[in-house]
């Protein structure tokens, strides 16, 4: 199994999706730099169309489907962001979409997917959502998997392509992990274009499928126990596992409560309203700095902003 995506593939993907996605800002953050004590650069994917990076992979996959695959309609499973991205991109391209989500998905994501015209199916758990997705694929729908597809990973890798081009000097980049598609693509881009940069993955406790896969030597099913639905994949794929194993320096697991505190810190110091999937970057950044020291220059991929104030403040810690 190849664990590399070449620069030419990333650039071709970026050109193909350019009319459908935003080249999001890559900016120095004075507030986070002061908070953490080292220069910090943020890649603001929360300003992306649909509010997260997910539209990149969804757009690329939909644009590469055959006419027959499009005519069959697509099915996707999601904790929120992938479903919204698939729903909106499918609507813009005239493709019928079915999105399967657990009932723990943010209500605003369910509503957004429905508003875009998708047939939204709700299940009790994320594991049941994946099982229903597989049955619907068997019934003839075209699968648009959130992280087990090299085309989707290549689309997400355009985040890293832009970061490498637009950021100043970086020593370390932190990326959140759900199923691993984003970090796999970003790591591939950075290994090709900025080979000296260390790449760190971040998972919340209760949703650590990648950490468990690395410990076991391959993907395993995990029992998800996390409110952070957008990172709550019950397993990673063989492809994302292999890419993280080969391209990422370390995966850190942070307490869920600290991820929610990180949302508030991002609001106060970076002046952005992110979702808990991005909030987990700040506690992880402190752990990285304890290892790397004061000469560190951090890059944070702020992956999405699809959380309401109530979603965050309702969490008591």
C-alpha atoms as a PDB file:
ATOM      1  CA  UNK A   1       0.000   0.000   0.000  1.00  0.00           C
ATOM      2  CA  UNK A   2       1.456   3.343  -1.042  1.00  0.00           C
ATOM      3  CA  UNK A   3       1.685   5.860   1.786  1.00  0.00           C
ATOM      4  CA  UNK A   4       2.654   8.831  -0.352  1.00  0.00           C
ATOM      5  CA  UNK A   5       0.752  11.420  -2.340  1.00  0.00           C
ATOM      6  CA  UNK A   6       2.958  13.324  -4.764  1.00  0.00           C
ATOM      7  CA  UNK A   7       3.131  17.074  -5.194  1.00  0.00           C
ATOM      8  CA  UNK A   8       1.831  16.713  -8.747  1.00  0.00           C
ATOM      9  CA  UNK A   9      -1.280  14.915  -7.471  1.00  0.00           C
ATOM     10  CA  UNK A  10      -1.877  17.594  -4.850  1.00  0.00           C
ATOM     11  CA  UNK A  11      -1.452  20.403  -7.334  1.00  0.00           C
ATOM     12  CA  UNK A  12      -3.780  18.708  -9.822  1.00  0.00           C
ATOM     13  CA  UNK A  13      -6.363  18.289  -7.057  1.00  0.00           C
ATOM     14  CA  UNK A  14      -6.035  21.940  -6.045  1.00  0.00           C
ATOM     15  CA  UNK A  15      -6.584  23.050  -9.633  1.00  0.00           C
ATOM     16  CA  UNK A  16      -9.603  20.791 -10.039  1.00  0.00           C
ATOM     17  CA  UNK A  17     -11.425  21.979  -6.917  1.00  0.00           C
ATOM     18  CA  UNK A  18     -10.359  25.631  -7.144  1.00  0.00           C
ATOM     19  CA  UNK A  19     -13.747  26.846  -8.339  1.00  0.00           C
ATOM     20  CA  UNK A  20     -15.559  25.004  -5.568  1.00  0.00           C
ATOM     21  CA  UNK A  21     -13.536  25.776  -2.424  1.00  0.00           C
ATOM     22  CA  UNK A  22     -11.877  28.721  -0.699  1.00  0.00           C
ATOM     23  CA  UNK A  23      -8.125  29.203  -0.367  1.00  0.00           C
ATOM     24  CA  UNK A  24      -8.374  29.872   3.341  1.00  0.00           C
ATOM     25  CA  UNK A  25      -6.137  32.352   5.186  1.00  0.00           C
ATOM     26  CA  UNK A  26      -2.817  31.303   6.678  1.00  0.00           C
ATOM     27  CA  UNK A  27      -1.959  33.958   9.249  1.00  0.00           C
ATOM     28  CA  UNK A  28       0.368  34.692  12.139  1.00  0.00           C
ATOM     29  CA  UNK A  29      -1.639  34.808  15.381  1.00  0.00           C
ATOM     30  CA  UNK A  30      -0.295  37.432  17.794  1.00  0.00           C
ATOM     31  CA  UNK A  31      -2.780  36.338  20.461  1.00  0.00           C
ATOM     32  CA  UNK A  32      -1.835  32.664  20.378  1.00  0.00           C
ATOM     33  CA  UNK A  33       1.840  33.559  20.106  1.00  0.00           C
ATOM     34  CA  UNK A  34       1.546  35.546  23.333  1.00  0.00           C
ATOM     35  CA  UNK A  35      -0.461  32.777  24.999  1.00  0.00           C
ATOM     36  CA  UNK A  36       1.965  29.984  24.128  1.00  0.00           C
ATOM     37  CA  UNK A  37       5.197  31.971  24.170  1.00  0.00           C
ATOM     38  CA  UNK A  38       6.360  31.011  20.654  1.00  0.00           C
ATOM     39  CA  UNK A  39       5.389  32.180  17.141  1.00  0.00           C
ATOM     40  CA  UNK A  40       2.093  30.577  16.078  1.00  0.00           C
ATOM     41  CA  UNK A  41       0.611  30.439  12.575  1.00  0.00           C
ATOM     42  CA  UNK A  42      -2.985  29.370  12.000  1.00  0.00           C
ATOM     43  CA  UNK A  43      -4.520  27.815   8.892  1.00  0.00           C
ATOM     44  CA  UNK A  44      -8.149  28.901   9.151  1.00  0.00           C
ATOM     45  CA  UNK A  45     -10.142  26.076   7.591  1.00  0.00           C
ATOM     46  CA  UNK A  46     -13.105  27.130   9.705  1.00  0.00           C
ATOM     47  CA  UNK A  47     -13.525  29.885   7.089  1.00  0.00           C
ATOM     48  CA  UNK A  48     -13.862  27.244   4.369  1.00  0.00           C
ATOM     49  CA  UNK A  49     -17.113  26.708   2.487  1.00  0.00           C
ATOM     50  CA  UNK A  50     -19.456  24.685   4.770  1.00  0.00           C
ATOM     51  CA  UNK A  51     -17.302  25.694   7.751  1.00  0.00           C
ATOM     52  CA  UNK A  52     -14.647  22.975   7.577  1.00  0.00           C
ATOM     53  CA  UNK A  53     -11.941  21.408   5.431  1.00  0.00           C
ATOM     54  CA  UNK A  54     -14.240  18.524   4.487  1.00  0.00           C
ATOM     55  CA  UNK A  55     -15.555  20.172   1.347  1.00  0.00           C
ATOM     56  CA  UNK A  56     -12.139  19.775  -0.290  1.00  0.00           C
ATOM     57  CA  UNK A  57     -12.213  15.977  -0.310  1.00  0.00           C
ATOM     58  CA  UNK A  58     -15.929  15.852  -1.064  1.00  0.00           C
ATOM     59  CA  UNK A  59     -15.530  18.156  -4.036  1.00  0.00           C
ATOM     60  CA  UNK A  60     -12.603  16.226  -5.487  1.00  0.00           C
ATOM     61  CA  UNK A  61     -14.334  12.879  -5.123  1.00  0.00           C
ATOM     62  CA  UNK A  62     -17.599  14.074  -6.653  1.00  0.00           C
ATOM     63  CA  UNK A  63     -15.759  15.695  -9.559  1.00  0.00           C
ATOM     64  CA  UNK A  64     -13.944  12.434 -10.335  1.00  0.00           C
ATOM     65  CA  UNK A  65     -17.016  10.165 -10.336  1.00  0.00           C
ATOM     66  CA  UNK A  66     -18.236   8.652 -13.570  1.00  0.00           C
ATOM     67  CA  UNK A  67     -21.640   9.580 -14.959  1.00  0.00           C
ATOM     68  CA  UNK A  68     -22.927   6.171 -13.852  1.00  0.00           C
ATOM     69  CA  UNK A  69     -21.661   6.665 -10.294  1.00  0.00           C
ATOM     70  CA  UNK A  70     -23.261  10.094 -10.090  1.00  0.00           C
ATOM     71  CA  UNK A  71     -26.551   8.806 -11.454  1.00  0.00           C
ATOM     72  CA  UNK A  72     -26.669   6.133  -8.728  1.00  0.00           C
ATOM     73  CA  UNK A  73     -26.477   8.800  -6.029  1.00  0.00           C
ATOM     74  CA  UNK A  74     -23.899   8.957  -3.259  1.00  0.00           C
ATOM     75  CA  UNK A  75     -23.903   7.899   0.379  1.00  0.00           C
ATOM     76  CA  UNK A  76     -21.711   9.293   3.138  1.00  0.00           C
ATOM     77  CA  UNK A  77     -21.342   8.732   6.871  1.00  0.00           C
ATOM     78  CA  UNK A  78     -20.488  11.648   9.103  1.00  0.00           C
ATOM     79  CA  UNK A  79     -20.294  13.057  12.595  1.00  0.00           C
ATOM     80  CA  UNK A  80     -21.320  16.368  11.067  1.00  0.00           C
ATOM     81  CA  UNK A  81     -18.886  18.166   8.780  1.00  0.00           C
ATOM     82  CA  UNK A  82     -18.367  15.564   6.056  1.00  0.00           C
ATOM     83  CA  UNK A  83     -22.123  15.133   5.732  1.00  0.00           C
ATOM     84  CA  UNK A  84     -22.700  18.851   5.269  1.00  0.00           C
ATOM     85  CA  UNK A  85     -19.887  19.052   2.717  1.00  0.00           C
ATOM     86  CA  UNK A  86     -21.201  16.088   0.724  1.00  0.00           C
ATOM     87  CA  UNK A  87     -24.757  17.428   0.851  1.00  0.00           C
ATOM     88  CA  UNK A  88     -23.812  20.897  -0.372  1.00  0.00           C
ATOM     89  CA  UNK A  89     -21.361  19.763  -3.048  1.00  0.00           C
ATOM     90  CA  UNK A  90     -23.774  17.099  -4.306  1.00  0.00           C
ATOM     91  CA  UNK A  91     -26.531  19.689  -4.598  1.00  0.00           C
ATOM     92  CA  UNK A  92     -24.301  22.050  -6.557  1.00  0.00           C
ATOM     93  CA  UNK A  93     -23.377  19.248  -8.978  1.00  0.00           C
ATOM     94  CA  UNK A  94     -26.885  17.790  -9.307  1.00  0.00           C
ATOM     95  CA  UNK A  95     -26.118  14.527  -7.504  1.00  0.00           C
ATOM     96  CA  UNK A  96     -28.583  12.854  -5.132  1.00  0.00           C
ATOM     97  CA  UNK A  97     -27.000  12.418  -1.673  1.00  0.00           C
ATOM     98  CA  UNK A  98     -27.831  10.278   1.340  1.00  0.00           C
ATOM     99  CA  UNK A  99     -26.039  11.200   4.565  1.00  0.00           C
ATOM    100  CA  UNK A 100     -25.951   8.932   7.612  1.00  0.00           C
ATOM    101  CA  UNK A 101     -25.233  10.570  10.987  1.00  0.00           C
ATOM    102  CA  UNK A 102     -25.428   9.504  14.619  1.00  0.00           C
ATOM    103  CA  UNK A 103     -27.961  11.288  16.791  1.00  0.00           C
ATOM    104  CA  UNK A 104     -25.033  12.848  18.642  1.00  0.00           C
ATOM    105  CA  UNK A 105     -24.157  14.917  15.566  1.00  0.00           C
ATOM    106  CA  UNK A 106     -24.697  18.660  16.054  1.00  0.00           C
ATOM    107  CA  UNK A 107     -28.294  19.611  15.278  1.00  0.00           C
ATOM    108  CA  UNK A 108     -27.084  22.444  13.071  1.00  0.00           C
ATOM    109  CA  UNK A 109     -25.132  19.952  10.906  1.00  0.00           C
ATOM    110  CA  UNK A 110     -28.185  17.726  10.505  1.00  0.00           C
ATOM    111  CA  UNK A 111     -30.280  20.748   9.567  1.00  0.00           C
ATOM    112  CA  UNK A 112     -27.644  22.044   7.127  1.00  0.00           C
ATOM    113  CA  UNK A 113     -27.397  18.704   5.327  1.00  0.00           C
ATOM    114  CA  UNK A 114     -31.182  18.514   5.019  1.00  0.00           C
ATOM    115  CA  UNK A 115     -31.386  22.127   3.870  1.00  0.00           C
ATOM    116  CA  UNK A 116     -28.944  21.289   1.073  1.00  0.00           C
ATOM    117  CA  UNK A 117     -31.326  18.552  -0.096  1.00  0.00           C
ATOM    118  CA  UNK A 118     -29.689  15.418   1.304  1.00  0.00           C
ATOM    119  CA  UNK A 119     -31.683  12.467   2.609  1.00  0.00           C
ATOM    120  CA  UNK A 120     -30.401  12.392   6.207  1.00  0.00           C
ATOM    121  CA  UNK A 121     -30.634   9.100   8.109  1.00  0.00           C
ATOM    122  CA  UNK A 122     -29.996   9.179  11.877  1.00  0.00           C
ATOM    123  CA  UNK A 123     -28.705   6.249  13.938  1.00  0.00           C
ATOM    124  CA  UNK A 124     -28.162   5.722  17.658  1.00  0.00           C
ATOM    125  CA  UNK A 125     -24.353   5.491  17.451  1.00  0.00           C
ATOM    126  CA  UNK A 126     -21.489   6.230  15.090  1.00  0.00           C
ATOM    127  CA  UNK A 127     -20.786   2.520  14.724  1.00  0.00           C
ATOM    128  CA  UNK A 128     -24.388   1.987  13.585  1.00  0.00           C
ATOM    129  CA  UNK A 129     -24.013   4.893  11.165  1.00  0.00           C
ATOM    130  CA  UNK A 130     -21.026   3.217   9.507  1.00  0.00           C
ATOM    131  CA  UNK A 131     -22.938  -0.068   9.316  1.00  0.00           C
ATOM    132  CA  UNK A 132     -25.912   1.618   7.631  1.00  0.00           C
ATOM    133  CA  UNK A 133     -23.585   3.368   5.196  1.00  0.00           C
ATOM    134  CA  UNK A 134     -22.164  -0.013   4.195  1.00  0.00           C
ATOM    135  CA  UNK A 135     -25.652  -1.463   3.651  1.00  0.00           C
ATOM    136  CA  UNK A 136     -26.660   1.472   1.469  1.00  0.00           C
ATOM    137  CA  UNK A 137     -23.499   1.045  -0.582  1.00  0.00           C
ATOM    138  CA  UNK A 138     -24.391  -2.609  -1.052  1.00  0.00           C
ATOM    139  CA  UNK A 139     -27.832  -1.488  -2.229  1.00  0.00           C
ATOM    140  CA  UNK A 140     -26.193   0.434  -5.075  1.00  0.00           C
ATOM    141  CA  UNK A 141     -25.328   3.923  -3.841  1.00  0.00           C
ATOM    142  CA  UNK A 142     -21.858   5.272  -4.616  1.00  0.00           C
ATOM    143  CA  UNK A 143     -19.745   5.495  -1.476  1.00  0.00           C
ATOM    144  CA  UNK A 144     -18.140   8.794  -0.559  1.00  0.00           C
ATOM    145  CA  UNK A 145     -16.132   7.669   2.451  1.00  0.00           C
ATOM    146  CA  UNK A 146     -14.844  10.370   4.811  1.00  0.00           C
ATOM    147  CA  UNK A 147     -11.309   8.976   5.161  1.00  0.00           C
ATOM    148  CA  UNK A 148     -10.808   5.560   3.538  1.00  0.00           C
ATOM    149  CA  UNK A 149     -10.468   6.926   0.001  1.00  0.00           C
ATOM    150  CA  UNK A 150      -7.172   8.138  -1.529  1.00  0.00           C
ATOM    151  CA  UNK A 151      -9.045  10.683  -3.648  1.00  0.00           C
ATOM    152  CA  UNK A 152     -10.661  12.221  -0.565  1.00  0.00           C
ATOM    153  CA  UNK A 153      -7.316  12.225   1.268  1.00  0.00           C
ATOM    154  CA  UNK A 154      -5.698  13.982  -1.689  1.00  0.00           C
ATOM    155  CA  UNK A 155      -8.401  16.627  -1.566  1.00  0.00           C
ATOM    156  CA  UNK A 156      -7.778  17.175   2.137  1.00  0.00           C
ATOM    157  CA  UNK A 157      -4.063  17.331   1.383  1.00  0.00           C
ATOM    158  CA  UNK A 158      -4.580  20.613  -0.453  1.00  0.00           C
ATOM    159  CA  UNK A 159      -4.767  22.158   3.047  1.00  0.00           C
ATOM    160  CA  UNK A 160      -1.128  21.187   3.507  1.00  0.00           C
ATOM    161  CA  UNK A 161      -0.225  22.380   0.030  1.00  0.00           C
ATOM    162  CA  UNK A 162      -1.549  25.847   0.873  1.00  0.00           C
ATOM    163  CA  UNK A 163       0.033  25.841   4.331  1.00  0.00           C
ATOM    164  CA  UNK A 164       3.439  24.972   2.894  1.00  0.00           C
ATOM    165  CA  UNK A 165       3.146  27.769   0.332  1.00  0.00           C
ATOM    166  CA  UNK A 166       1.702  30.477   2.572  1.00  0.00           C
ATOM    167  CA  UNK A 167       3.255  30.037   6.030  1.00  0.00           C
ATOM    168  CA  UNK A 168       6.549  31.457   7.198  1.00  0.00           C
ATOM    169  CA  UNK A 169       9.110  29.313   8.964  1.00  0.00           C
ATOM    170  CA  UNK A 170       7.546  26.413  10.885  1.00  0.00           C
ATOM    171  CA  UNK A 171       9.093  23.660  12.973  1.00  0.00           C
ATOM    172  CA  UNK A 172       5.950  21.826  14.092  1.00  0.00           C
ATOM    173  CA  UNK A 173       2.404  21.475  12.728  1.00  0.00           C
ATOM    174  CA  UNK A 174      -0.547  20.126  14.724  1.00  0.00           C
ATOM    175  CA  UNK A 175      -3.566  18.498  13.057  1.00  0.00           C
ATOM    176  CA  UNK A 176      -6.668  16.979  14.633  1.00  0.00           C
ATOM    177  CA  UNK A 177      -7.545  13.347  13.856  1.00  0.00           C
ATOM    178  CA  UNK A 178     -10.938  11.706  13.431  1.00  0.00           C
ATOM    179  CA  UNK A 179     -10.555   9.010  10.804  1.00  0.00           C
ATOM    180  CA  UNK A 180      -7.211  10.433   9.733  1.00  0.00           C
ATOM    181  CA  UNK A 181      -7.944  11.816   6.265  1.00  0.00           C
ATOM    182  CA  UNK A 182      -6.895  15.383   7.029  1.00  0.00           C
ATOM    183  CA  UNK A 183      -3.648  14.588   8.788  1.00  0.00           C
ATOM    184  CA  UNK A 184      -2.714  11.983   6.169  1.00  0.00           C
ATOM    185  CA  UNK A 185      -3.106  14.508   3.355  1.00  0.00           C
ATOM    186  CA  UNK A 186      -1.449  17.368   5.232  1.00  0.00           C
ATOM    187  CA  UNK A 187       1.479  15.185   6.296  1.00  0.00           C
ATOM    188  CA  UNK A 188       2.006  14.012   2.709  1.00  0.00           C
ATOM    189  CA  UNK A 189       2.145  17.610   1.516  1.00  0.00           C
ATOM    190  CA  UNK A 190       4.498  18.760   4.271  1.00  0.00           C
ATOM    191  CA  UNK A 191       6.839  15.774   3.927  1.00  0.00           C
ATOM    192  CA  UNK A 192       7.209  16.634   0.224  1.00  0.00           C
ATOM    193  CA  UNK A 193       7.460  20.414   0.523  1.00  0.00           C
ATOM    194  CA  UNK A 194       8.773  21.028   4.058  1.00  0.00           C
ATOM    195  CA  UNK A 195      10.532  17.812   5.011  1.00  0.00           C
ATOM    196  CA  UNK A 196      12.091  19.241   8.181  1.00  0.00           C
ATOM    197  CA  UNK A 197       8.743  20.085   9.783  1.00  0.00           C
ATOM    198  CA  UNK A 198       7.475  17.745  12.499  1.00  0.00           C
ATOM    199  CA  UNK A 199       3.794  16.742  12.186  1.00  0.00           C
ATOM    200  CA  UNK A 200       1.762  15.945  15.312  1.00  0.00           C
ATOM    201  CA  UNK A 201      -1.688  14.392  15.417  1.00  0.00           C
ATOM    202  CA  UNK A 202      -4.210  15.173  18.141  1.00  0.00           C
ATOM    203  CA  UNK A 203      -7.159  13.105  19.377  1.00  0.00           C
ATOM    204  CA  UNK A 204      -9.530  13.634  22.309  1.00  0.00           C
ATOM    205  CA  UNK A 205      -9.877  11.006  24.990  1.00  0.00           C
ATOM    206  CA  UNK A 206     -12.782   8.727  24.208  1.00  0.00           C
ATOM    207  CA  UNK A 207     -12.182   9.033  20.460  1.00  0.00           C
ATOM    208  CA  UNK A 208      -8.622   7.804  19.971  1.00  0.00           C
ATOM    209  CA  UNK A 209      -8.935   5.329  17.117  1.00  0.00           C
ATOM    210  CA  UNK A 210      -5.600   6.329  15.550  1.00  0.00           C
ATOM    211  CA  UNK A 211      -3.650   6.058  18.810  1.00  0.00           C
ATOM    212  CA  UNK A 212      -5.109   2.623  19.406  1.00  0.00           C
ATOM    213  CA  UNK A 213      -4.326   1.570  15.837  1.00  0.00           C
ATOM    214  CA  UNK A 214      -0.696   2.630  16.264  1.00  0.00           C
ATOM    215  CA  UNK A 215      -0.494   0.709  19.540  1.00  0.00           C
ATOM    216  CA  UNK A 216      -1.981  -2.441  17.964  1.00  0.00           C
ATOM    217  CA  UNK A 217      -0.102  -2.292  14.670  1.00  0.00           C
ATOM    218  CA  UNK A 218      -3.214  -1.713  12.569  1.00  0.00           C
ATOM    219  CA  UNK A 219      -6.800  -0.416  12.625  1.00  0.00           C
ATOM    220  CA  UNK A 220      -9.044  -1.681  15.410  1.00  0.00           C
ATOM    221  CA  UNK A 221     -12.639  -0.980  16.368  1.00  0.00           C
ATOM    222  CA  UNK A 222     -12.840   1.312  19.393  1.00  0.00           C
ATOM    223  CA  UNK A 223     -15.665   2.108  21.750  1.00  0.00           C
ATOM    224  CA  UNK A 224     -16.288   5.804  21.160  1.00  0.00           C
ATOM    225  CA  UNK A 225     -17.149   7.788  24.274  1.00  0.00           C
ATOM    226  CA  UNK A 226     -16.819  11.443  23.315  1.00  0.00           C
ATOM    227  CA  UNK A 227     -19.068  14.436  22.803  1.00  0.00           C
ATOM    228  CA  UNK A 228     -16.801  15.573  19.967  1.00  0.00           C
ATOM    229  CA  UNK A 229     -18.771  13.863  17.218  1.00  0.00           C
ATOM    230  CA  UNK A 230     -16.672  15.267  14.366  1.00  0.00           C
ATOM    231  CA  UNK A 231     -13.658  13.273  15.637  1.00  0.00           C
ATOM    232  CA  UNK A 232     -15.580  10.168  16.684  1.00  0.00           C
ATOM    233  CA  UNK A 233     -14.672   7.624  14.034  1.00  0.00           C
ATOM    234  CA  UNK A 234     -14.992   4.085  15.460  1.00  0.00           C
ATOM    235  CA  UNK A 235     -11.895   3.034  13.513  1.00  0.00           C
ATOM    236  CA  UNK A 236      -9.338   4.428  11.111  1.00  0.00           C
ATOM    237  CA  UNK A 237      -8.748   2.987   7.662  1.00  0.00           C
ATOM    238  CA  UNK A 238      -5.761   0.858   6.647  1.00  0.00           C
ATOM    239  CA  UNK A 239      -4.669   3.721   4.375  1.00  0.00           C
ATOM    240  CA  UNK A 240      -4.866   6.515   6.955  1.00  0.00           C
ATOM    241  CA  UNK A 241      -3.228   4.263   9.542  1.00  0.00           C
ATOM    242  CA  UNK A 242      -0.314   3.503   7.220  1.00  0.00           C
ATOM    243  CA  UNK A 243       0.135   7.148   6.230  1.00  0.00           C
ATOM    244  CA  UNK A 244       0.106   8.357   9.833  1.00  0.00           C
ATOM    245  CA  UNK A 245       2.475   5.570  10.862  1.00  0.00           C
ATOM    246  CA  UNK A 246       4.933   6.544   8.133  1.00  0.00           C
ATOM    247  CA  UNK A 247       4.555  10.329   7.957  1.00  0.00           C
ATOM    248  CA  UNK A 248       3.489  11.643  11.377  1.00  0.00           C
ATOM    249  CA  UNK A 249       5.922  12.090  14.261  1.00  0.00           C
ATOM    250  CA  UNK A 250       3.523  11.374  17.121  1.00  0.00           C
ATOM    251  CA  UNK A 251      -0.182  11.273  17.978  1.00  0.00           C
ATOM    252  CA  UNK A 252      -1.211  12.897  21.260  1.00  0.00           C
ATOM    253  CA  UNK A 253      -4.415  12.216  23.187  1.00  0.00           C
ATOM    254  CA  UNK A 254      -5.813  15.118  25.223  1.00  0.00           C
ATOM    255  CA  UNK A 255      -8.650  15.147  27.767  1.00  0.00           C
ATOM    256  CA  UNK A 256     -11.999  16.054  26.265  1.00  0.00           C
ATOM    257  CA  UNK A 257     -12.525  18.805  28.842  1.00  0.00           C
ATOM    258  CA  UNK A 258      -9.294  20.457  27.689  1.00  0.00           C
ATOM    259  CA  UNK A 259     -10.541  20.444  24.089  1.00  0.00           C
ATOM    260  CA  UNK A 260     -13.610  22.405  25.157  1.00  0.00           C
ATOM    261  CA  UNK A 261     -11.423  24.797  27.143  1.00  0.00           C
ATOM    262  CA  UNK A 262      -9.356  25.177  23.981  1.00  0.00           C
ATOM    263  CA  UNK A 263     -12.423  26.453  22.114  1.00  0.00           C
ATOM    264  CA  UNK A 264     -12.718  29.279  24.622  1.00  0.00           C
ATOM    265  CA  UNK A 265      -8.999  30.024  24.401  1.00  0.00           C
ATOM    266  CA  UNK A 266      -9.182  30.208  20.619  1.00  0.00           C
ATOM    267  CA  UNK A 267     -12.057  32.661  20.921  1.00  0.00           C
ATOM    268  CA  UNK A 268     -10.306  34.809  23.500  1.00  0.00           C
ATOM    269  CA  UNK A 269      -6.774  34.791  22.080  1.00  0.00           C
ATOM    270  CA  UNK A 270      -7.075  33.982  18.361  1.00  0.00           C
ATOM    271  CA  UNK A 271     -10.428  35.762  17.926  1.00  0.00           C
ATOM    272  CA  UNK A 272     -11.976  32.798  16.098  1.00  0.00           C
ATOM    273  CA  UNK A 273     -14.897  30.577  17.065  1.00  0.00           C
ATOM    274  CA  UNK A 274     -13.755  27.020  16.416  1.00  0.00           C
ATOM    275  CA  UNK A 275     -15.328  23.664  17.171  1.00  0.00           C
ATOM    276  CA  UNK A 276     -13.964  21.288  19.853  1.00  0.00           C
ATOM    277  CA  UNK A 277     -12.213  19.271  17.150  1.00  0.00           C
ATOM    278  CA  UNK A 278      -9.936  22.298  16.746  1.00  0.00           C
ATOM    279  CA  UNK A 279      -9.981  23.240  20.418  1.00  0.00           C
ATOM    280  CA  UNK A 280      -7.959  20.116  21.189  1.00  0.00           C
ATOM    281  CA  UNK A 281      -4.977  21.667  19.389  1.00  0.00           C
ATOM    282  CA  UNK A 282      -4.141  24.046  22.241  1.00  0.00           C
ATOM    283  CA  UNK A 283      -3.646  21.506  25.043  1.00  0.00           C
ATOM    284  CA  UNK A 284      -1.672  19.410  22.569  1.00  0.00           C
ATOM    285  CA  UNK A 285       0.452  22.431  21.609  1.00  0.00           C
ATOM    286  CA  UNK A 286       1.493  22.854  25.234  1.00  0.00           C
ATOM    287  CA  UNK A 287       2.612  19.236  25.345  1.00  0.00           C
ATOM    288  CA  UNK A 288       4.555  19.658  22.112  1.00  0.00           C
ATOM    289  CA  UNK A 289       6.290  22.753  23.477  1.00  0.00           C
ATOM    290  CA  UNK A 290       7.324  20.839  26.583  1.00  0.00           C
ATOM    291  CA  UNK A 291       9.165  18.486  24.230  1.00  0.00           C
ATOM    292  CA  UNK A 292      10.520  20.944  21.636  1.00  0.00           C
ATOM    293  CA  UNK A 293      11.377  24.107  23.569  1.00  0.00           C
ATOM    294  CA  UNK A 294      11.374  27.840  23.025  1.00  0.00           C
ATOM    295  CA  UNK A 295      12.712  27.826  19.459  1.00  0.00           C
ATOM    296  CA  UNK A 296       9.556  26.121  18.223  1.00  0.00           C
ATOM    297  CA  UNK A 297       7.478  27.798  15.534  1.00  0.00           C
ATOM    298  CA  UNK A 298       4.002  26.269  15.569  1.00  0.00           C
ATOM    299  CA  UNK A 299       1.441  25.792  12.827  1.00  0.00           C
ATOM    300  CA  UNK A 300      -2.129  24.920  13.830  1.00  0.00           C
ATOM    301  CA  UNK A 301      -4.684  23.636  11.322  1.00  0.00           C
ATOM    302  CA  UNK A 302      -7.952  25.048  12.684  1.00  0.00           C
ATOM    303  CA  UNK A 303     -10.065  22.415  10.976  1.00  0.00           C
ATOM    304  CA  UNK A 304     -13.625  23.693  11.456  1.00  0.00           C
ATOM    305  CA  UNK A 305     -16.011  26.053  13.159  1.00  0.00           C
ATOM    306  CA  UNK A 306     -19.341  24.245  13.116  1.00  0.00           C
ATOM    307  CA  UNK A 307     -20.216  24.445  16.785  1.00  0.00           C
ATOM    308  CA  UNK A 308     -22.844  26.656  18.330  1.00  0.00           C
ATOM    309  CA  UNK A 309     -22.267  28.556  21.552  1.00  0.00           C
ATOM    310  CA  UNK A 310     -24.693  26.150  23.222  1.00  0.00           C
ATOM    311  CA  UNK A 311     -22.702  23.151  21.938  1.00  0.00           C
ATOM    312  CA  UNK A 312     -19.681  24.404  23.841  1.00  0.00           C
ATOM    313  CA  UNK A 313     -21.149  26.068  26.914  1.00  0.00           C
ATOM    314  CA  UNK A 314     -23.451  23.113  27.643  1.00  0.00           C
ATOM    315  CA  UNK A 315     -20.396  21.005  28.345  1.00  0.00           C
ATOM    316  CA  UNK A 316     -19.703  21.227  32.072  1.00  0.00           C
ATOM    317  CA  UNK A 317     -16.191  19.817  31.971  1.00  0.00           C
END
